[in-house]
Each structure stands twice: as structure tokens, then as C-alpha cells.
Amino acid sequence: MTLPKHSSVLDLASISNPGSPSSSLRRVPGGNIFGPPLFPTMNIFTLCSVAFLGLALTAFAADAAPQKEKLRHVVSFKFKDTTTKEQIKQVEDAFRDLKKKIPHVQSIEWGTNVSPEKLDKGFTHCFLVTFGSEKDRDAYLVHPEHKKFVEFALPLIGDAFVLDFWAKD
């Protein structure tokens, strides 16, 4: 028995007559018991492969996405000759603690000069503060904790320079 073109997937006559040899569910040619295939030439393996490939490419694209830009704030100090080692340590600690006190700061790195080039012009300390935006940097500059640090450190510093830049690879 062939199914007419307008019939549904199930042969209703065979369901109503359970004793007939065609009483089991029948498939529409090229389809299944749920209806004709959505993509006649695509089997389940191909469909799954295409879906997996799409997910994999999305994941790789996310990994290859450019890193978020970082605004770097470089601060370098030359201490006065009268500043003691203990006072310098207090300045180092106070600067480092700004990360804990000011939420706009992403990170603070710092160190003392170790360059053999002798081009330091007497600057001994460098602090690198990272921000996600100019807005964050601007909020840091006027933050009460930053102002408190400047008020504390300024009498101990002979000279300072500050340089801001957007980091590039």
C-alpha cells in the first residue's frame, strides 16, 4: 500500500484496524514517524557535526578576542636625602595599600631601580598602577585615600614624575 501525497505520517486506517498487516506505524518515505525530514539530505550525524563546529568556532573566537585595554599610570619617586629608610618603607607600604582602599585600581606593581644604564636621574622607585578606563583613573586621582597618601608622602619626596599611557601589545 502506498501513501497518498496528502496523507499524514500515520496511516489512520491501519491504526483503526489493529488486525491488519499494516497496523504498525509507518514512515513517510524519507522521513520518520514524526513527519518528513526538515533537511532531507542531512542525517543526524551531519547535523550534530555542524552544531559542534559552530560551538567550537565560537569558543575559539572568544579566546582570540582582543584583551581589554589597560590604562597604565606610572609614578616614579626620587626621595629627599633627609628621608630615612623607615620613611621610605612607609611610603612603599602606603602606596601598595591604595589598591585595597580604592576600588578603581585594578593592580599596583612596584619596584626599585636596578638599571645598569645610569640614566635614572636619581629616581629610585617606580609604581605602575593599572586602570580599566580614564574614568577610573580620574576617580582615583580625587579619591580621599589617594589625597591622604599624597599629603603623607609629598614632604618626603624630592621629585616625582607621572606618565599615563594605554598599554599596547
C-alpha atoms as a PDB file:
ATOM      1  CA  MET A   1       0.000   0.000   0.000  1.00  0.00           C
ATOM      2  CA  THR A   2       1.376   3.394  -0.897  1.00  0.00           C
ATOM      3  CA  LEU A   3       0.528   6.562   0.931  1.00  0.00           C
ATOM      4  CA  PRO A   4      -1.237   9.286  -0.991  1.00  0.00           C
ATOM      5  CA  LYS A   5       0.691  12.532  -1.237  1.00  0.00           C
ATOM      6  CA  HIS A   6      -1.763  14.353   1.028  1.00  0.00           C
ATOM      7  CA  SER A   7      -1.682  11.769   3.827  1.00  0.00           C
ATOM      8  CA  SER A   8      -0.079  12.385   7.154  1.00  0.00           C
ATOM      9  CA  VAL A   9       2.756  10.319   8.511  1.00  0.00           C
ATOM     10  CA  LEU A  10       0.467   7.769  10.119  1.00  0.00           C
ATOM     11  CA  ASP A  11      -1.889   5.576   8.123  1.00  0.00           C
ATOM     12  CA  LEU A  12      -5.038   6.168  10.137  1.00  0.00           C
ATOM     13  CA  ALA A  13      -6.860   3.210   8.567  1.00  0.00           C
ATOM     14  CA  SER A  14      -4.270   0.757   9.809  1.00  0.00           C
ATOM     15  CA  ILE A  15      -4.454   2.175  13.345  1.00  0.00           C
ATOM     16  CA  SER A  16      -8.233   1.766  13.463  1.00  0.00           C
ATOM     17  CA  ASN A  17      -7.929  -1.820  12.213  1.00  0.00           C
ATOM     18  CA  PRO A  18      -5.455  -3.451  14.615  1.00  0.00           C
ATOM     19  CA  GLY A  19      -5.602  -6.854  12.897  1.00  0.00           C
ATOM     20  CA  SER A  20      -4.425  -5.634   9.537  1.00  0.00           C
ATOM     21  CA  PRO A  21      -0.900  -6.464   8.403  1.00  0.00           C
ATOM     22  CA  SER A  22      -0.156  -2.727   8.220  1.00  0.00           C
ATOM     23  CA  SER A  23      -1.224  -1.977  11.783  1.00  0.00           C
ATOM     24  CA  SER A  24       2.237  -0.805  12.906  1.00  0.00           C
ATOM     25  CA  LEU A  25       3.264   2.792  12.452  1.00  0.00           C
ATOM     26  CA  ARG A  26       4.620   3.523   9.030  1.00  0.00           C
ATOM     27  CA  ARG A  27       7.201   6.007   7.899  1.00  0.00           C
ATOM     28  CA  VAL A  28       6.725   8.541   5.194  1.00  0.00           C
ATOM     29  CA  PRO A  29       9.399   7.921   2.561  1.00  0.00           C
ATOM     30  CA  GLY A  30      12.472   9.938   3.543  1.00  0.00           C
ATOM     31  CA  GLY A  31      11.006  10.839   6.928  1.00  0.00           C
ATOM     32  CA  ASN A  32      10.200   9.215  10.250  1.00  0.00           C
ATOM     33  CA  ILE A  33       7.110   8.697  12.361  1.00  0.00           C
ATOM     34  CA  PHE A  34       7.149  12.408  13.292  1.00  0.00           C
ATOM     35  CA  GLY A  35       6.933  13.692   9.736  1.00  0.00           C
ATOM     36  CA  PRO A  36       9.094  14.475   6.772  1.00  0.00           C
ATOM     37  CA  PRO A  37      12.695  15.440   7.459  1.00  0.00           C
ATOM     38  CA  LEU A  38      13.442  19.120   7.950  1.00  0.00           C
ATOM     39  CA  PHE A  39      16.642  18.784   5.985  1.00  0.00           C
ATOM     40  CA  PRO A  40      16.119  15.834   3.635  1.00  0.00           C
ATOM     41  CA  THR A  41      19.793  15.327   2.797  1.00  0.00           C
ATOM     42  CA  MET A  42      21.134  15.883   6.315  1.00  0.00           C
ATOM     43  CA  ASN A  43      21.336  12.983   8.736  1.00  0.00           C
ATOM     44  CA  ILE A  44      21.649  13.346  12.499  1.00  0.00           C
ATOM     45  CA  PHE A  45      25.439  12.907  12.435  1.00  0.00           C
ATOM     46  CA  THR A  46      25.863  15.761   9.985  1.00  0.00           C
ATOM     47  CA  LEU A  47      23.516  17.974  11.987  1.00  0.00           C
ATOM     48  CA  CYS A  48      25.413  17.282  15.230  1.00  0.00           C
ATOM     49  CA  SER A  49      28.750  17.853  13.494  1.00  0.00           C
ATOM     50  CA  VAL A  50      27.648  21.228  12.187  1.00  0.00           C
ATOM     51  CA  ALA A  51      26.347  22.243  15.640  1.00  0.00           C
ATOM     52  CA  PHE A  52      29.608  21.160  17.311  1.00  0.00           C
ATOM     53  CA  LEU A  53      31.689  23.014  14.735  1.00  0.00           C
ATOM     54  CA  GLY A  54      29.646  26.178  15.343  1.00  0.00           C
ATOM     55  CA  LEU A  55      30.180  25.942  19.100  1.00  0.00           C
ATOM     56  CA  ALA A  56      33.904  25.255  18.666  1.00  0.00           C
ATOM     57  CA  LEU A  57      34.362  28.250  16.369  1.00  0.00           C
ATOM     58  CA  THR A  58      32.507  30.460  18.835  1.00  0.00           C
ATOM     59  CA  ALA A  59      34.803  29.307  21.651  1.00  0.00           C
ATOM     60  CA  PHE A  60      37.943  29.912  19.571  1.00  0.00           C
ATOM     61  CA  ALA A  61      36.697  33.346  18.562  1.00  0.00           C
ATOM     62  CA  ALA A  62      36.166  34.243  22.230  1.00  0.00           C
ATOM     63  CA  ASP A  63      39.739  33.136  23.050  1.00  0.00           C
ATOM     64  CA  ALA A  64      41.125  35.156  20.160  1.00  0.00           C
ATOM     65  CA  ALA A  65      39.202  38.287  21.118  1.00  0.00           C
ATOM     66  CA  PRO A  66      41.454  41.234  21.878  1.00  0.00           C
ATOM     67  CA  GLN A  67      42.259  41.830  25.509  1.00  0.00           C
ATOM     68  CA  LYS A  68      40.541  44.715  27.201  1.00  0.00           C
ATOM     69  CA  GLU A  69      42.673  47.835  27.042  1.00  0.00           C
ATOM     70  CA  LYS A  70      44.549  48.861  30.155  1.00  0.00           C
ATOM     71  CA  LEU A  71      45.412  52.372  31.210  1.00  0.00           C
ATOM     72  CA  ARG A  72      48.818  52.432  32.914  1.00  0.00           C
ATOM     73  CA  HIS A  73      49.692  55.153  35.415  1.00  0.00           C
ATOM     74  CA  VAL A  74      53.449  55.307  36.035  1.00  0.00           C
ATOM     75  CA  VAL A  75      54.675  57.125  39.136  1.00  0.00           C
ATOM     76  CA  SER A  76      58.377  57.480  39.920  1.00  0.00           C
ATOM     77  CA  PHE A  77      59.933  58.969  43.049  1.00  0.00           C
ATOM     78  CA  LYS A  78      63.270  60.496  43.972  1.00  0.00           C
ATOM     79  CA  PHE A  79      63.378  60.787  47.768  1.00  0.00           C
ATOM     80  CA  LYS A  80      64.971  63.672  49.634  1.00  0.00           C
ATOM     81  CA  ASP A  81      68.416  62.999  51.104  1.00  0.00           C
ATOM     82  CA  THR A  82      66.915  63.544  54.566  1.00  0.00           C
ATOM     83  CA  THR A  83      64.276  60.799  54.116  1.00  0.00           C
ATOM     84  CA  THR A  84      65.095  57.761  56.249  1.00  0.00           C
ATOM     85  CA  LYS A  85      64.846  54.101  55.172  1.00  0.00           C
ATOM     86  CA  GLU A  86      61.949  53.677  57.579  1.00  0.00           C
ATOM     87  CA  GLN A  87      60.074  56.578  55.997  1.00  0.00           C
ATOM     88  CA  ILE A  88      60.723  55.168  52.501  1.00  0.00           C
ATOM     89  CA  LYS A  89      59.306  51.825  53.651  1.00  0.00           C
ATOM     90  CA  GLN A  90      56.217  53.621  54.973  1.00  0.00           C
ATOM     91  CA  VAL A  91      55.738  55.309  51.563  1.00  0.00           C
ATOM     92  CA  GLU A  92      56.110  51.949  49.777  1.00  0.00           C
ATOM     93  CA  ASP A  93      53.561  50.296  52.064  1.00  0.00           C
ATOM     94  CA  ALA A  94      51.121  53.195  51.852  1.00  0.00           C
ATOM     95  CA  PHE A  95      51.282  53.237  48.048  1.00  0.00           C
ATOM     96  CA  ARG A  96      50.712  49.466  47.828  1.00  0.00           C
ATOM     97  CA  ASP A  97      47.762  49.740  50.214  1.00  0.00           C
ATOM     98  CA  LEU A  98      45.944  52.075  47.824  1.00  0.00           C
ATOM     99  CA  LYS A  99      44.804  49.001  45.861  1.00  0.00           C
ATOM    100  CA  LYS A 100      42.876  47.773  48.897  1.00  0.00           C
ATOM    101  CA  LYS A 101      41.387  51.187  49.587  1.00  0.00           C
ATOM    102  CA  ILE A 102      40.421  52.429  46.120  1.00  0.00           C
ATOM    103  CA  PRO A 103      38.157  50.118  44.085  1.00  0.00           C
ATOM    104  CA  HIS A 104      39.036  51.740  40.741  1.00  0.00           C
ATOM    105  CA  VAL A 105      42.579  50.316  40.896  1.00  0.00           C
ATOM    106  CA  GLN A 106      42.959  47.018  39.021  1.00  0.00           C
ATOM    107  CA  SER A 107      46.533  46.403  40.133  1.00  0.00           C
ATOM    108  CA  ILE A 108      49.643  48.036  41.543  1.00  0.00           C
ATOM    109  CA  GLU A 109      53.132  46.826  40.728  1.00  0.00           C
ATOM    110  CA  TRP A 110      56.237  48.482  42.025  1.00  0.00           C
ATOM    111  CA  GLY A 111      59.955  48.121  42.434  1.00  0.00           C
ATOM    112  CA  THR A 112      63.225  49.935  42.866  1.00  0.00           C
ATOM    113  CA  ASN A 113      65.640  50.848  40.115  1.00  0.00           C
ATOM    114  CA  VAL A 114      68.083  48.119  39.085  1.00  0.00           C
ATOM    115  CA  SER A 115      69.089  49.512  35.688  1.00  0.00           C
ATOM    116  CA  PRO A 116      72.827  49.406  34.917  1.00  0.00           C
ATOM    117  CA  GLU A 117      72.435  52.259  32.397  1.00  0.00           C
ATOM    118  CA  LYS A 118      72.826  55.046  34.985  1.00  0.00           C
ATOM    119  CA  LEU A 119      70.023  57.086  33.356  1.00  0.00           C
ATOM    120  CA  ASP A 120      67.719  57.129  36.397  1.00  0.00           C
ATOM    121  CA  LYS A 121      68.475  60.776  37.267  1.00  0.00           C
ATOM    122  CA  GLY A 122      68.253  59.882  40.950  1.00  0.00           C
ATOM    123  CA  PHE A 123      64.775  58.272  40.758  1.00  0.00           C
ATOM    124  CA  THR A 124      64.779  55.117  42.839  1.00  0.00           C
ATOM    125  CA  HIS A 125      61.159  53.924  43.000  1.00  0.00           C
ATOM    126  CA  CYS A 126      58.615  53.188  40.290  1.00  0.00           C
ATOM    127  CA  PHE A 127      54.945  52.318  40.778  1.00  0.00           C
ATOM    128  CA  LEU A 128      52.741  51.048  37.959  1.00  0.00           C
ATOM    129  CA  VAL A 129      49.018  51.439  38.612  1.00  0.00           C
ATOM    130  CA  THR A 130      46.551  49.822  36.195  1.00  0.00           C
ATOM    131  CA  PHE A 131      43.062  51.110  35.439  1.00  0.00           C
ATOM    132  CA  GLY A 132      40.354  49.914  33.074  1.00  0.00           C
ATOM    133  CA  SER A 133      39.399  53.400  31.914  1.00  0.00           C
ATOM    134  CA  GLU A 134      40.224  57.075  32.128  1.00  0.00           C
ATOM    135  CA  LYS A 135      37.127  57.471  34.281  1.00  0.00           C
ATOM    136  CA  ASP A 136      38.614  55.010  36.816  1.00  0.00           C
ATOM    137  CA  ARG A 137      41.949  56.854  36.783  1.00  0.00           C
ATOM    138  CA  ASP A 138      40.226  60.194  37.267  1.00  0.00           C
ATOM    139  CA  ALA A 139      38.208  58.810  40.201  1.00  0.00           C
ATOM    140  CA  TYR A 140      41.459  57.506  41.741  1.00  0.00           C
ATOM    141  CA  LEU A 141      43.159  60.901  41.487  1.00  0.00           C
ATOM    142  CA  VAL A 142      40.462  62.655  43.525  1.00  0.00           C
ATOM    143  CA  HIS A 143      39.769  59.763  45.893  1.00  0.00           C
ATOM    144  CA  PRO A 144      40.232  60.756  49.579  1.00  0.00           C
ATOM    145  CA  GLU A 145      42.664  57.857  50.174  1.00  0.00           C
ATOM    146  CA  HIS A 146      44.873  58.995  47.274  1.00  0.00           C
ATOM    147  CA  LYS A 147      44.828  62.552  48.551  1.00  0.00           C
ATOM    148  CA  LYS A 148      45.733  61.301  52.035  1.00  0.00           C
ATOM    149  CA  PHE A 149      48.679  59.355  50.567  1.00  0.00           C
ATOM    150  CA  VAL A 150      49.943  62.407  48.648  1.00  0.00           C
ATOM    151  CA  GLU A 151      49.704  64.543  51.773  1.00  0.00           C
ATOM    152  CA  PHE A 152      51.739  61.956  53.707  1.00  0.00           C
ATOM    153  CA  ALA A 153      54.380  61.231  51.025  1.00  0.00           C
ATOM    154  CA  LEU A 154      54.968  64.662  49.497  1.00  0.00           C
ATOM    155  CA  PRO A 155      57.180  66.047  52.313  1.00  0.00           C
ATOM    156  CA  LEU A 156      59.483  63.008  51.909  1.00  0.00           C
ATOM    157  CA  ILE A 157      59.834  63.176  48.107  1.00  0.00           C
ATOM    158  CA  GLY A 158      62.459  65.325  46.412  1.00  0.00           C
ATOM    159  CA  ASP A 159      60.990  64.870  42.916  1.00  0.00           C
ATOM    160  CA  ALA A 160      58.377  62.834  41.113  1.00  0.00           C
ATOM    161  CA  PHE A 161      57.150  62.254  37.615  1.00  0.00           C
ATOM    162  CA  VAL A 162      53.926  60.734  36.382  1.00  0.00           C
ATOM    163  CA  LEU A 163      53.207  59.290  32.962  1.00  0.00           C
ATOM    164  CA  ASP A 164      49.963  57.685  31.789  1.00  0.00           C
ATOM    165  CA  PHE A 165      49.578  55.534  28.674  1.00  0.00           C
ATOM    166  CA  TRP A 166      47.284  52.963  27.094  1.00  0.00           C
ATOM    167  CA  ALA A 167      49.119  49.623  27.064  1.00  0.00           C
ATOM    168  CA  LYS A 168      49.668  48.019  23.655  1.00  0.00           C
ATOM    169  CA  ASP A 169      50.942  44.570  22.761  1.00  0.00           C
END
